[in-house]
């Protein structure tokens, strides 16, 4: 009986050790899912890519969501790229990257970079009236490439949702005719 108790205790301790090592070795994601699309970003050491949750100039704190929320301190030495206003004026949800260092158990932002606006060739821009006419006449496929949650908040009537991160999984939804008109839209130039 004593031997059985000892074996059970050893087995329990071994299982506990395996579980705690697995839990402790699990890291927070450093890149938000949209940023992991092929050809997009790869996080280097001490770098995160995600969406702004909040920024407080008074507390000198900024939070980024990568699937879990990271909190960083910042100060006058923190550089800001692609943004000319104070850090606390970054809009919630803005895609940002942060290069950080750890000091005294705290994460400090050395550099914060806002995703720059994309320049779109005017020849490739279509006016809302034209999109409405095409949708009303059923003369093209309209694809909303935002995440499903955003699509369900509101979208162009008749548009289908193919989130750009999962585009390859939905090729079958595209027209077989390679000359068919496709209007592909998102939340705006970012």
C-alpha atoms as a PDB file:
ATOM      1  CA  UNK A   1       0.000   0.000   0.000  1.00  0.00           C
ATOM      2  CA  UNK A   2       2.845   2.366   0.874  1.00  0.00           C
ATOM      3  CA  UNK A   3       4.515   1.562  -2.448  1.00  0.00           C
ATOM      4  CA  UNK A   4       1.267   2.283  -4.333  1.00  0.00           C
ATOM      5  CA  UNK A   5       0.937   5.656  -2.577  1.00  0.00           C
ATOM      6  CA  UNK A   6       4.532   6.492  -3.466  1.00  0.00           C
ATOM      7  CA  UNK A   7       3.954   5.539  -7.118  1.00  0.00           C
ATOM      8  CA  UNK A   8       0.773   7.623  -7.260  1.00  0.00           C
ATOM      9  CA  UNK A   9       2.571  10.594  -5.700  1.00  0.00           C
ATOM     10  CA  UNK A  10       5.453  10.297  -8.179  1.00  0.00           C
ATOM     11  CA  UNK A  11       2.994  10.002 -11.089  1.00  0.00           C
ATOM     12  CA  UNK A  12       1.062  13.049  -9.847  1.00  0.00           C
ATOM     13  CA  UNK A  13       4.249  15.107  -9.466  1.00  0.00           C
ATOM     14  CA  UNK A  14       5.458  14.068 -12.926  1.00  0.00           C
ATOM     15  CA  UNK A  15       2.119  15.065 -14.508  1.00  0.00           C
ATOM     16  CA  UNK A  16       2.138  18.356 -12.613  1.00  0.00           C
ATOM     17  CA  UNK A  17       5.664  19.088 -13.801  1.00  0.00           C
ATOM     18  CA  UNK A  18       4.798  18.341 -17.438  1.00  0.00           C
ATOM     19  CA  UNK A  19       1.667  20.505 -17.227  1.00  0.00           C
ATOM     20  CA  UNK A  20       3.450  23.435 -15.568  1.00  0.00           C
ATOM     21  CA  UNK A  21       6.325  23.347 -18.085  1.00  0.00           C
ATOM     22  CA  UNK A  22       3.811  23.391 -20.942  1.00  0.00           C
ATOM     23  CA  UNK A  23       1.828  26.277 -19.401  1.00  0.00           C
ATOM     24  CA  UNK A  24       4.937  28.272 -18.527  1.00  0.00           C
ATOM     25  CA  UNK A  25       6.473  27.804 -21.976  1.00  0.00           C
ATOM     26  CA  UNK A  26       3.375  29.104 -23.765  1.00  0.00           C
ATOM     27  CA  UNK A  27       4.152  32.576 -25.066  1.00  0.00           C
ATOM     28  CA  UNK A  28       1.749  35.349 -25.897  1.00  0.00           C
ATOM     29  CA  UNK A  29       1.337  35.763 -29.657  1.00  0.00           C
ATOM     30  CA  UNK A  30       3.577  38.507 -31.045  1.00  0.00           C
ATOM     31  CA  UNK A  31       1.659  39.011 -34.287  1.00  0.00           C
ATOM     32  CA  UNK A  32      -2.088  39.526 -34.731  1.00  0.00           C
ATOM     33  CA  UNK A  33      -3.677  37.014 -37.106  1.00  0.00           C
ATOM     34  CA  UNK A  34      -4.241  39.486 -39.987  1.00  0.00           C
ATOM     35  CA  UNK A  35      -0.534  40.365 -39.878  1.00  0.00           C
ATOM     36  CA  UNK A  36       0.449  36.728 -40.443  1.00  0.00           C
ATOM     37  CA  UNK A  37      -0.910  36.586 -44.003  1.00  0.00           C
ATOM     38  CA  UNK A  38       1.642  35.353 -46.554  1.00  0.00           C
ATOM     39  CA  UNK A  39       3.962  38.178 -47.539  1.00  0.00           C
ATOM     40  CA  UNK A  40       2.930  40.272 -44.556  1.00  0.00           C
ATOM     41  CA  UNK A  41       4.967  40.576 -41.341  1.00  0.00           C
ATOM     42  CA  UNK A  42       7.293  38.460 -39.271  1.00  0.00           C
ATOM     43  CA  UNK A  43       8.071  39.604 -35.749  1.00  0.00           C
ATOM     44  CA  UNK A  44      11.692  39.848 -34.794  1.00  0.00           C
ATOM     45  CA  UNK A  45      12.918  39.464 -31.234  1.00  0.00           C
ATOM     46  CA  UNK A  46      11.342  42.079 -28.974  1.00  0.00           C
ATOM     47  CA  UNK A  47       8.776  43.164 -31.563  1.00  0.00           C
ATOM     48  CA  UNK A  48       4.978  42.868 -31.689  1.00  0.00           C
ATOM     49  CA  UNK A  49       2.475  43.591 -34.484  1.00  0.00           C
ATOM     50  CA  UNK A  50      -1.177  44.178 -33.660  1.00  0.00           C
ATOM     51  CA  UNK A  51      -4.022  46.617 -33.177  1.00  0.00           C
ATOM     52  CA  UNK A  52      -4.021  49.519 -30.739  1.00  0.00           C
ATOM     53  CA  UNK A  53      -6.257  48.955 -27.728  1.00  0.00           C
ATOM     54  CA  UNK A  54      -5.434  52.175 -25.873  1.00  0.00           C
ATOM     55  CA  UNK A  55      -2.728  54.770 -25.352  1.00  0.00           C
ATOM     56  CA  UNK A  56      -2.453  57.104 -22.369  1.00  0.00           C
ATOM     57  CA  UNK A  57      -0.048  60.048 -22.468  1.00  0.00           C
ATOM     58  CA  UNK A  58      -0.605  60.733 -18.763  1.00  0.00           C
ATOM     59  CA  UNK A  59       0.169  57.153 -17.655  1.00  0.00           C
ATOM     60  CA  UNK A  60       2.693  56.712 -20.493  1.00  0.00           C
ATOM     61  CA  UNK A  61       1.143  53.329 -21.342  1.00  0.00           C
ATOM     62  CA  UNK A  62       0.137  51.791 -24.653  1.00  0.00           C
ATOM     63  CA  UNK A  63      -1.727  48.502 -25.180  1.00  0.00           C
ATOM     64  CA  UNK A  64      -1.637  46.343 -28.314  1.00  0.00           C
ATOM     65  CA  UNK A  65      -3.880  43.387 -29.147  1.00  0.00           C
ATOM     66  CA  UNK A  66      -2.146  40.487 -30.904  1.00  0.00           C
ATOM     67  CA  UNK A  67      -4.780  37.961 -29.885  1.00  0.00           C
ATOM     68  CA  UNK A  68      -3.882  38.799 -26.313  1.00  0.00           C
ATOM     69  CA  UNK A  69      -3.220  42.275 -24.935  1.00  0.00           C
ATOM     70  CA  UNK A  70       0.344  43.513 -24.416  1.00  0.00           C
ATOM     71  CA  UNK A  71       1.023  46.577 -22.243  1.00  0.00           C
ATOM     72  CA  UNK A  72       4.099  48.759 -22.748  1.00  0.00           C
ATOM     73  CA  UNK A  73       5.420  51.843 -21.042  1.00  0.00           C
ATOM     74  CA  UNK A  74       6.722  54.663 -23.222  1.00  0.00           C
ATOM     75  CA  UNK A  75       8.486  57.972 -22.602  1.00  0.00           C
ATOM     76  CA  UNK A  76      10.084  60.915 -24.406  1.00  0.00           C
ATOM     77  CA  UNK A  77      12.785  58.585 -25.780  1.00  0.00           C
ATOM     78  CA  UNK A  78      10.222  56.394 -27.584  1.00  0.00           C
ATOM     79  CA  UNK A  79      10.306  57.109 -31.318  1.00  0.00           C
ATOM     80  CA  UNK A  80       7.082  57.320 -33.297  1.00  0.00           C
ATOM     81  CA  UNK A  81       7.049  56.444 -37.004  1.00  0.00           C
ATOM     82  CA  UNK A  82       4.384  57.172 -39.646  1.00  0.00           C
ATOM     83  CA  UNK A  83       2.431  59.345 -37.220  1.00  0.00           C
ATOM     84  CA  UNK A  84       2.838  63.097 -36.634  1.00  0.00           C
ATOM     85  CA  UNK A  85       0.467  63.576 -33.695  1.00  0.00           C
ATOM     86  CA  UNK A  86       0.954  62.555 -30.043  1.00  0.00           C
ATOM     87  CA  UNK A  87       0.830  58.813 -29.319  1.00  0.00           C
ATOM     88  CA  UNK A  88      -2.484  59.112 -27.466  1.00  0.00           C
ATOM     89  CA  UNK A  89      -4.097  60.433 -30.693  1.00  0.00           C
ATOM     90  CA  UNK A  90      -3.585  57.101 -32.496  1.00  0.00           C
ATOM     91  CA  UNK A  91      -7.064  55.739 -33.267  1.00  0.00           C
ATOM     92  CA  UNK A  92      -8.253  52.633 -31.442  1.00  0.00           C
ATOM     93  CA  UNK A  93      -7.789  49.584 -33.680  1.00  0.00           C
ATOM     94  CA  UNK A  94      -4.956  51.203 -35.686  1.00  0.00           C
ATOM     95  CA  UNK A  95      -2.431  48.634 -36.869  1.00  0.00           C
ATOM     96  CA  UNK A  96       0.890  49.274 -35.143  1.00  0.00           C
ATOM     97  CA  UNK A  97       4.179  47.592 -34.431  1.00  0.00           C
ATOM     98  CA  UNK A  98       6.256  48.083 -31.313  1.00  0.00           C
ATOM     99  CA  UNK A  99       9.929  47.345 -30.793  1.00  0.00           C
ATOM    100  CA  UNK A 100      10.473  46.956 -27.068  1.00  0.00           C
ATOM    101  CA  UNK A 101      12.958  46.120 -24.368  1.00  0.00           C
ATOM    102  CA  UNK A 102      12.485  44.697 -20.915  1.00  0.00           C
ATOM    103  CA  UNK A 103      13.776  46.652 -17.911  1.00  0.00           C
ATOM    104  CA  UNK A 104      13.104  45.779 -14.286  1.00  0.00           C
ATOM    105  CA  UNK A 105      10.289  43.393 -15.268  1.00  0.00           C
ATOM    106  CA  UNK A 106       8.508  46.079 -17.351  1.00  0.00           C
ATOM    107  CA  UNK A 107       8.161  46.256 -21.136  1.00  0.00           C
ATOM    108  CA  UNK A 108       9.286  49.596 -22.597  1.00  0.00           C
ATOM    109  CA  UNK A 109       8.454  50.698 -26.141  1.00  0.00           C
ATOM    110  CA  UNK A 110      11.618  51.863 -27.877  1.00  0.00           C
ATOM    111  CA  UNK A 111       9.789  52.483 -31.154  1.00  0.00           C
ATOM    112  CA  UNK A 112       6.112  52.616 -32.146  1.00  0.00           C
ATOM    113  CA  UNK A 113       5.251  52.502 -35.850  1.00  0.00           C
ATOM    114  CA  UNK A 114       1.760  53.124 -37.199  1.00  0.00           C
ATOM    115  CA  UNK A 115       0.852  51.282 -40.385  1.00  0.00           C
ATOM    116  CA  UNK A 116       1.208  53.912 -43.122  1.00  0.00           C
ATOM    117  CA  UNK A 117      -1.577  54.801 -45.515  1.00  0.00           C
ATOM    118  CA  UNK A 118      -1.413  53.057 -48.872  1.00  0.00           C
ATOM    119  CA  UNK A 119      -1.315  55.101 -52.028  1.00  0.00           C
ATOM    120  CA  UNK A 120      -3.964  53.830 -54.453  1.00  0.00           C
ATOM    121  CA  UNK A 121      -3.661  54.497 -58.181  1.00  0.00           C
ATOM    122  CA  UNK A 122      -6.646  56.740 -59.050  1.00  0.00           C
ATOM    123  CA  UNK A 123      -7.264  54.593 -62.153  1.00  0.00           C
ATOM    124  CA  UNK A 124      -8.051  51.663 -59.830  1.00  0.00           C
ATOM    125  CA  UNK A 125     -10.500  53.561 -57.642  1.00  0.00           C
ATOM    126  CA  UNK A 126     -14.215  53.201 -58.315  1.00  0.00           C
ATOM    127  CA  UNK A 127     -16.845  55.663 -57.103  1.00  0.00           C
ATOM    128  CA  UNK A 128     -19.655  54.560 -54.769  1.00  0.00           C
ATOM    129  CA  UNK A 129     -22.291  55.363 -57.420  1.00  0.00           C
ATOM    130  CA  UNK A 130     -20.570  53.001 -59.864  1.00  0.00           C
ATOM    131  CA  UNK A 131     -20.441  50.216 -57.247  1.00  0.00           C
ATOM    132  CA  UNK A 132     -24.156  50.695 -56.527  1.00  0.00           C
ATOM    133  CA  UNK A 133     -25.009  50.474 -60.241  1.00  0.00           C
ATOM    134  CA  UNK A 134     -22.915  47.304 -60.679  1.00  0.00           C
ATOM    135  CA  UNK A 135     -24.495  45.756 -57.554  1.00  0.00           C
ATOM    136  CA  UNK A 136     -28.024  46.711 -58.652  1.00  0.00           C
ATOM    137  CA  UNK A 137     -27.470  45.259 -62.131  1.00  0.00           C
ATOM    138  CA  UNK A 138     -25.643  42.146 -60.848  1.00  0.00           C
ATOM    139  CA  UNK A 139     -22.786  42.778 -63.292  1.00  0.00           C
ATOM    140  CA  UNK A 140     -19.902  41.926 -60.984  1.00  0.00           C
ATOM    141  CA  UNK A 141     -18.830  40.148 -57.837  1.00  0.00           C
ATOM    142  CA  UNK A 142     -18.333  42.379 -54.806  1.00  0.00           C
ATOM    143  CA  UNK A 143     -15.949  41.002 -52.182  1.00  0.00           C
ATOM    144  CA  UNK A 144     -15.620  42.448 -48.689  1.00  0.00           C
ATOM    145  CA  UNK A 145     -12.140  41.436 -47.493  1.00  0.00           C
ATOM    146  CA  UNK A 146     -12.565  42.552 -43.879  1.00  0.00           C
ATOM    147  CA  UNK A 147     -12.703  40.064 -40.976  1.00  0.00           C
ATOM    148  CA  UNK A 148     -16.079  38.298 -40.670  1.00  0.00           C
ATOM    149  CA  UNK A 149     -17.058  40.267 -37.546  1.00  0.00           C
ATOM    150  CA  UNK A 150     -16.627  43.557 -39.419  1.00  0.00           C
ATOM    151  CA  UNK A 151     -18.526  42.194 -42.434  1.00  0.00           C
ATOM    152  CA  UNK A 152     -21.462  41.252 -40.176  1.00  0.00           C
ATOM    153  CA  UNK A 153     -21.485  44.748 -38.647  1.00  0.00           C
ATOM    154  CA  UNK A 154     -22.410  46.053 -42.095  1.00  0.00           C
ATOM    155  CA  UNK A 155     -21.448  45.562 -45.724  1.00  0.00           C
ATOM    156  CA  UNK A 156     -22.440  46.499 -49.272  1.00  0.00           C
ATOM    157  CA  UNK A 157     -25.660  44.655 -50.145  1.00  0.00           C
ATOM    158  CA  UNK A 158     -24.854  41.660 -52.322  1.00  0.00           C
ATOM    159  CA  UNK A 159     -21.197  41.535 -51.242  1.00  0.00           C
ATOM    160  CA  UNK A 160     -19.691  38.248 -50.134  1.00  0.00           C
ATOM    161  CA  UNK A 161     -17.102  38.019 -47.377  1.00  0.00           C
ATOM    162  CA  UNK A 162     -13.670  36.626 -48.139  1.00  0.00           C
ATOM    163  CA  UNK A 163     -11.311  37.794 -45.422  1.00  0.00           C
ATOM    164  CA  UNK A 164      -7.984  38.468 -47.108  1.00  0.00           C
ATOM    165  CA  UNK A 165      -6.136  36.358 -44.518  1.00  0.00           C
ATOM    166  CA  UNK A 166      -8.164  33.315 -45.645  1.00  0.00           C
ATOM    167  CA  UNK A 167      -8.398  34.207 -49.341  1.00  0.00           C
ATOM    168  CA  UNK A 168      -6.744  30.969 -50.565  1.00  0.00           C
ATOM    169  CA  UNK A 169      -9.440  28.903 -48.817  1.00  0.00           C
ATOM    170  CA  UNK A 170     -12.212  30.562 -50.854  1.00  0.00           C
ATOM    171  CA  UNK A 171     -10.918  30.493 -54.444  1.00  0.00           C
ATOM    172  CA  UNK A 172     -13.999  28.437 -55.336  1.00  0.00           C
ATOM    173  CA  UNK A 173     -16.175  31.520 -54.681  1.00  0.00           C
ATOM    174  CA  UNK A 174     -14.491  33.467 -57.495  1.00  0.00           C
ATOM    175  CA  UNK A 175     -16.005  33.573 -60.995  1.00  0.00           C
ATOM    176  CA  UNK A 176     -14.711  30.949 -63.429  1.00  0.00           C
ATOM    177  CA  UNK A 177     -14.581  33.648 -66.127  1.00  0.00           C
ATOM    178  CA  UNK A 178     -11.195  35.342 -65.682  1.00  0.00           C
ATOM    179  CA  UNK A 179     -12.546  38.500 -67.364  1.00  0.00           C
ATOM    180  CA  UNK A 180     -15.448  38.893 -64.917  1.00  0.00           C
ATOM    181  CA  UNK A 181     -15.559  42.133 -62.943  1.00  0.00           C
ATOM    182  CA  UNK A 182     -14.541  41.782 -59.302  1.00  0.00           C
ATOM    183  CA  UNK A 183     -14.784  44.669 -56.856  1.00  0.00           C
ATOM    184  CA  UNK A 184     -12.648  44.007 -53.819  1.00  0.00           C
ATOM    185  CA  UNK A 185     -13.029  46.376 -50.854  1.00  0.00           C
ATOM    186  CA  UNK A 186     -11.874  46.748 -47.278  1.00  0.00           C
ATOM    187  CA  UNK A 187     -12.107  49.328 -44.492  1.00  0.00           C
ATOM    188  CA  UNK A 188     -10.214  51.930 -46.517  1.00  0.00           C
ATOM    189  CA  UNK A 189      -6.640  52.710 -47.478  1.00  0.00           C
ATOM    190  CA  UNK A 190      -4.279  51.736 -44.678  1.00  0.00           C
END
